[in-house]
């Protein structure tokens, strides 16, 4: 059984379309799926902020971006203590506001991640009759879901400030 078979039809379609990755030597691949009870525009407004990952990543204490926030920009991320790293250097590889795709590559830092890249996509769906979001990525989506759902419950359905 391949990894795509473990998901529903909609999730499998998005994985095949946006999350193809042919692992090279010393690489592996996986995809995580999270259904978020918040509208896609709100979730995307958090995800797309390459300069502010701490908005939904509680382990990030600081982020400084070098560049114009376009493809190729690099961010230096400081990680809160207690994790097996204190810094990460990441390059923006893909940002598509129409398709809701964000791609990053880790290019340095004091951690064990080498040759690592990640693509995150968010897609609209209906959850219990209300607008929701299907998020796919190779990382932990729990904090994104927590922040987005808390904002949606507070009727804060407008995207966070854009650039």
C-alpha atoms as a PDB file:
ATOM      1  CA  UNK A   1       0.000   0.000   0.000  1.00  0.00           C
ATOM      2  CA  UNK A   2       1.405   3.421  -0.876  1.00  0.00           C
ATOM      3  CA  UNK A   3       0.978   6.431   1.419  1.00  0.00           C
ATOM      4  CA  UNK A   4      -1.798   7.984  -0.677  1.00  0.00           C
ATOM      5  CA  UNK A   5      -4.038   4.925  -0.189  1.00  0.00           C
ATOM      6  CA  UNK A   6      -4.381   5.722   3.526  1.00  0.00           C
ATOM      7  CA  UNK A   7      -6.349   8.938   2.818  1.00  0.00           C
ATOM      8  CA  UNK A   8      -9.819   9.671   1.462  1.00  0.00           C
ATOM      9  CA  UNK A   9     -10.382  10.444  -2.213  1.00  0.00           C
ATOM     10  CA  UNK A  10     -10.181  14.231  -1.831  1.00  0.00           C
ATOM     11  CA  UNK A  11      -6.994  14.109   0.265  1.00  0.00           C
ATOM     12  CA  UNK A  12      -5.383  11.627  -2.137  1.00  0.00           C
ATOM     13  CA  UNK A  13      -6.188  13.898  -5.095  1.00  0.00           C
ATOM     14  CA  UNK A  14      -4.502  16.900  -3.446  1.00  0.00           C
ATOM     15  CA  UNK A  15      -1.474  14.828  -2.407  1.00  0.00           C
ATOM     16  CA  UNK A  16      -1.004  13.524  -5.959  1.00  0.00           C
ATOM     17  CA  UNK A  17      -1.419  17.035  -7.392  1.00  0.00           C
ATOM     18  CA  UNK A  18       0.706  19.134  -5.009  1.00  0.00           C
ATOM     19  CA  UNK A  19       2.814  16.858  -2.815  1.00  0.00           C
ATOM     20  CA  UNK A  20       4.736  14.663  -5.212  1.00  0.00           C
ATOM     21  CA  UNK A  21       8.250  14.093  -4.070  1.00  0.00           C
ATOM     22  CA  UNK A  22      10.687  11.516  -5.297  1.00  0.00           C
ATOM     23  CA  UNK A  23      12.970  10.811  -2.340  1.00  0.00           C
ATOM     24  CA  UNK A  24      16.655  10.785  -3.080  1.00  0.00           C
ATOM     25  CA  UNK A  25      19.321   8.993  -1.111  1.00  0.00           C
ATOM     26  CA  UNK A  26      19.010   9.666   2.642  1.00  0.00           C
ATOM     27  CA  UNK A  27      15.528  11.190   2.242  1.00  0.00           C
ATOM     28  CA  UNK A  28      12.067  10.079   3.182  1.00  0.00           C
ATOM     29  CA  UNK A  29       8.651  11.579   2.558  1.00  0.00           C
ATOM     30  CA  UNK A  30       5.305  11.709   4.322  1.00  0.00           C
ATOM     31  CA  UNK A  31       2.149  13.790   4.292  1.00  0.00           C
ATOM     32  CA  UNK A  32      -0.062  14.860   7.151  1.00  0.00           C
ATOM     33  CA  UNK A  33      -3.688  15.857   6.760  1.00  0.00           C
ATOM     34  CA  UNK A  34      -5.642  18.111   9.110  1.00  0.00           C
ATOM     35  CA  UNK A  35      -9.263  19.193   8.833  1.00  0.00           C
ATOM     36  CA  UNK A  36      -9.537  22.670  10.356  1.00  0.00           C
ATOM     37  CA  UNK A  37     -12.816  24.223  11.453  1.00  0.00           C
ATOM     38  CA  UNK A  38     -11.991  27.653  10.035  1.00  0.00           C
ATOM     39  CA  UNK A  39     -12.414  29.168   6.555  1.00  0.00           C
ATOM     40  CA  UNK A  40      -9.599  28.645   4.065  1.00  0.00           C
ATOM     41  CA  UNK A  41      -8.913  32.380   3.632  1.00  0.00           C
ATOM     42  CA  UNK A  42      -8.249  32.716   7.367  1.00  0.00           C
ATOM     43  CA  UNK A  43      -5.979  29.653   7.495  1.00  0.00           C
ATOM     44  CA  UNK A  44      -4.098  30.773   4.374  1.00  0.00           C
ATOM     45  CA  UNK A  45      -3.581  34.249   5.847  1.00  0.00           C
ATOM     46  CA  UNK A  46      -1.617  32.586   8.674  1.00  0.00           C
ATOM     47  CA  UNK A  47       0.286  30.086   6.523  1.00  0.00           C
ATOM     48  CA  UNK A  48       1.400  32.492   3.781  1.00  0.00           C
ATOM     49  CA  UNK A  49       3.206  34.810   6.204  1.00  0.00           C
ATOM     50  CA  UNK A  50       6.721  33.519   5.582  1.00  0.00           C
ATOM     51  CA  UNK A  51       7.921  36.405   7.760  1.00  0.00           C
ATOM     52  CA  UNK A  52       5.747  35.468  10.758  1.00  0.00           C
ATOM     53  CA  UNK A  53       5.707  31.695  11.333  1.00  0.00           C
ATOM     54  CA  UNK A  54       5.319  32.361  15.065  1.00  0.00           C
ATOM     55  CA  UNK A  55       1.679  33.331  14.364  1.00  0.00           C
ATOM     56  CA  UNK A  56       0.853  29.609  14.351  1.00  0.00           C
ATOM     57  CA  UNK A  57       4.079  27.822  15.292  1.00  0.00           C
ATOM     58  CA  UNK A  58       4.377  28.107  19.082  1.00  0.00           C
ATOM     59  CA  UNK A  59       7.972  26.851  19.064  1.00  0.00           C
ATOM     60  CA  UNK A  60       9.204  29.889  17.057  1.00  0.00           C
ATOM     61  CA  UNK A  61      10.311  32.802  19.229  1.00  0.00           C
ATOM     62  CA  UNK A  62      11.677  35.132  16.526  1.00  0.00           C
ATOM     63  CA  UNK A  63      11.904  35.406  12.752  1.00  0.00           C
ATOM     64  CA  UNK A  64      13.990  37.792  10.645  1.00  0.00           C
ATOM     65  CA  UNK A  65      13.651  37.796   6.852  1.00  0.00           C
ATOM     66  CA  UNK A  66      16.365  38.716   4.366  1.00  0.00           C
ATOM     67  CA  UNK A  67      14.829  39.643   1.050  1.00  0.00           C
ATOM     68  CA  UNK A  68      11.604  41.088  -0.282  1.00  0.00           C
ATOM     69  CA  UNK A  69       9.385  38.168   0.837  1.00  0.00           C
ATOM     70  CA  UNK A  70       9.464  36.833  -2.709  1.00  0.00           C
ATOM     71  CA  UNK A  71      10.712  33.471  -3.905  1.00  0.00           C
ATOM     72  CA  UNK A  72      14.299  33.036  -2.763  1.00  0.00           C
ATOM     73  CA  UNK A  73      13.898  35.122   0.414  1.00  0.00           C
ATOM     74  CA  UNK A  74      15.578  33.597   3.462  1.00  0.00           C
ATOM     75  CA  UNK A  75      14.361  33.655   7.035  1.00  0.00           C
ATOM     76  CA  UNK A  76      16.368  33.116  10.190  1.00  0.00           C
ATOM     77  CA  UNK A  77      14.139  31.489  12.782  1.00  0.00           C
ATOM     78  CA  UNK A  78      14.921  31.288  16.489  1.00  0.00           C
ATOM     79  CA  UNK A  79      13.394  28.297  18.222  1.00  0.00           C
ATOM     80  CA  UNK A  80      12.264  28.339  21.854  1.00  0.00           C
ATOM     81  CA  UNK A  81      14.366  26.419  24.338  1.00  0.00           C
ATOM     82  CA  UNK A  82      13.525  22.819  25.061  1.00  0.00           C
ATOM     83  CA  UNK A  83      13.771  21.686  21.446  1.00  0.00           C
ATOM     84  CA  UNK A  84      16.849  20.041  19.941  1.00  0.00           C
ATOM     85  CA  UNK A  85      17.731  23.249  18.058  1.00  0.00           C
ATOM     86  CA  UNK A  86      17.921  26.996  18.604  1.00  0.00           C
ATOM     87  CA  UNK A  87      18.034  28.287  15.005  1.00  0.00           C
ATOM     88  CA  UNK A  88      16.842  27.346  11.543  1.00  0.00           C
ATOM     89  CA  UNK A  89      17.594  29.031   8.209  1.00  0.00           C
ATOM     90  CA  UNK A  90      14.846  28.543   5.639  1.00  0.00           C
ATOM     91  CA  UNK A  91      14.374  29.673   2.025  1.00  0.00           C
ATOM     92  CA  UNK A  92      11.018  30.444   0.418  1.00  0.00           C
ATOM     93  CA  UNK A  93      10.769  28.130  -2.598  1.00  0.00           C
ATOM     94  CA  UNK A  94       7.110  28.528  -3.621  1.00  0.00           C
ATOM     95  CA  UNK A  95       4.284  30.939  -2.762  1.00  0.00           C
ATOM     96  CA  UNK A  96       1.065  30.707  -4.757  1.00  0.00           C
ATOM     97  CA  UNK A  97      -1.830  32.754  -3.379  1.00  0.00           C
ATOM     98  CA  UNK A  98      -4.316  31.437  -5.945  1.00  0.00           C
ATOM     99  CA  UNK A  99      -3.643  27.734  -5.307  1.00  0.00           C
ATOM    100  CA  UNK A 100      -2.743  28.286  -1.607  1.00  0.00           C
ATOM    101  CA  UNK A 101       0.684  26.628  -1.777  1.00  0.00           C
ATOM    102  CA  UNK A 102       3.729  27.448   0.357  1.00  0.00           C
ATOM    103  CA  UNK A 103       7.048  25.676  -0.132  1.00  0.00           C
ATOM    104  CA  UNK A 104      10.173  26.072   1.981  1.00  0.00           C
ATOM    105  CA  UNK A 105      13.603  24.490   2.078  1.00  0.00           C
ATOM    106  CA  UNK A 106      15.791  24.335   5.168  1.00  0.00           C
ATOM    107  CA  UNK A 107      19.244  25.566   4.191  1.00  0.00           C
ATOM    108  CA  UNK A 108      20.931  25.774   7.594  1.00  0.00           C
ATOM    109  CA  UNK A 109      20.629  25.875  11.351  1.00  0.00           C
ATOM    110  CA  UNK A 110      21.856  24.032  14.398  1.00  0.00           C
ATOM    111  CA  UNK A 111      19.573  21.023  14.008  1.00  0.00           C
ATOM    112  CA  UNK A 112      19.751  17.635  12.343  1.00  0.00           C
ATOM    113  CA  UNK A 113      17.522  18.437   9.392  1.00  0.00           C
ATOM    114  CA  UNK A 114      19.514  18.181   6.190  1.00  0.00           C
ATOM    115  CA  UNK A 115      18.199  18.141   2.663  1.00  0.00           C
ATOM    116  CA  UNK A 116      14.708  18.970   3.983  1.00  0.00           C
ATOM    117  CA  UNK A 117      11.923  20.704   2.123  1.00  0.00           C
ATOM    118  CA  UNK A 118       8.238  21.056   2.822  1.00  0.00           C
ATOM    119  CA  UNK A 119       5.166  21.985   0.836  1.00  0.00           C
ATOM    120  CA  UNK A 120       1.967  23.063   2.536  1.00  0.00           C
ATOM    121  CA  UNK A 121      -1.351  23.425   0.770  1.00  0.00           C
ATOM    122  CA  UNK A 122      -4.749  24.471   2.102  1.00  0.00           C
ATOM    123  CA  UNK A 123      -8.054  23.700   0.423  1.00  0.00           C
ATOM    124  CA  UNK A 124     -11.645  24.774   1.152  1.00  0.00           C
ATOM    125  CA  UNK A 125     -14.091  22.189   2.438  1.00  0.00           C
ATOM    126  CA  UNK A 126     -17.319  22.069   4.418  1.00  0.00           C
ATOM    127  CA  UNK A 127     -17.171  20.698   7.970  1.00  0.00           C
ATOM    128  CA  UNK A 128     -20.490  20.191   9.752  1.00  0.00           C
ATOM    129  CA  UNK A 129     -22.184  22.609   7.360  1.00  0.00           C
ATOM    130  CA  UNK A 130     -19.658  25.418   7.909  1.00  0.00           C
ATOM    131  CA  UNK A 131     -16.647  26.618   5.914  1.00  0.00           C
ATOM    132  CA  UNK A 132     -13.557  24.670   6.815  1.00  0.00           C
ATOM    133  CA  UNK A 133     -10.083  23.925   5.516  1.00  0.00           C
ATOM    134  CA  UNK A 134      -8.224  20.800   4.529  1.00  0.00           C
ATOM    135  CA  UNK A 135      -4.513  21.361   5.207  1.00  0.00           C
ATOM    136  CA  UNK A 136      -1.759  19.067   3.951  1.00  0.00           C
ATOM    137  CA  UNK A 137       1.907  19.249   4.915  1.00  0.00           C
ATOM    138  CA  UNK A 138       4.885  17.316   6.148  1.00  0.00           C
ATOM    139  CA  UNK A 139       4.907  18.807   9.653  1.00  0.00           C
ATOM    140  CA  UNK A 140       2.726  19.138  12.729  1.00  0.00           C
ATOM    141  CA  UNK A 141      -0.543  20.896  11.878  1.00  0.00           C
ATOM    142  CA  UNK A 142      -2.060  20.876  15.362  1.00  0.00           C
ATOM    143  CA  UNK A 143      -0.939  24.400  16.278  1.00  0.00           C
ATOM    144  CA  UNK A 144      -2.193  25.845  12.960  1.00  0.00           C
ATOM    145  CA  UNK A 145      -5.567  24.213  13.575  1.00  0.00           C
ATOM    146  CA  UNK A 146      -5.688  25.483  17.178  1.00  0.00           C
ATOM    147  CA  UNK A 147      -4.929  29.105  16.219  1.00  0.00           C
ATOM    148  CA  UNK A 148      -7.253  29.136  13.162  1.00  0.00           C
ATOM    149  CA  UNK A 149     -10.147  27.485  14.988  1.00  0.00           C
ATOM    150  CA  UNK A 150      -9.797  29.830  17.969  1.00  0.00           C
ATOM    151  CA  UNK A 151      -9.949  32.834  15.598  1.00  0.00           C
ATOM    152  CA  UNK A 152     -12.970  31.387  13.763  1.00  0.00           C
ATOM    153  CA  UNK A 153     -14.874  30.725  17.024  1.00  0.00           C
ATOM    154  CA  UNK A 154     -14.257  34.360  17.988  1.00  0.00           C
ATOM    155  CA  UNK A 155     -15.848  35.306  14.628  1.00  0.00           C
ATOM    156  CA  UNK A 156     -12.491  36.647  13.462  1.00  0.00           C
ATOM    157  CA  UNK A 157     -12.927  35.303   9.944  1.00  0.00           C
ATOM    158  CA  UNK A 158     -11.083  38.116   8.191  1.00  0.00           C
ATOM    159  CA  UNK A 159      -7.525  37.221   7.155  1.00  0.00           C
ATOM    160  CA  UNK A 160      -4.743  38.548   9.362  1.00  0.00           C
ATOM    161  CA  UNK A 161      -3.065  41.701   8.059  1.00  0.00           C
ATOM    162  CA  UNK A 162      -1.471  41.225   4.694  1.00  0.00           C
ATOM    163  CA  UNK A 163       1.856  42.823   3.761  1.00  0.00           C
END
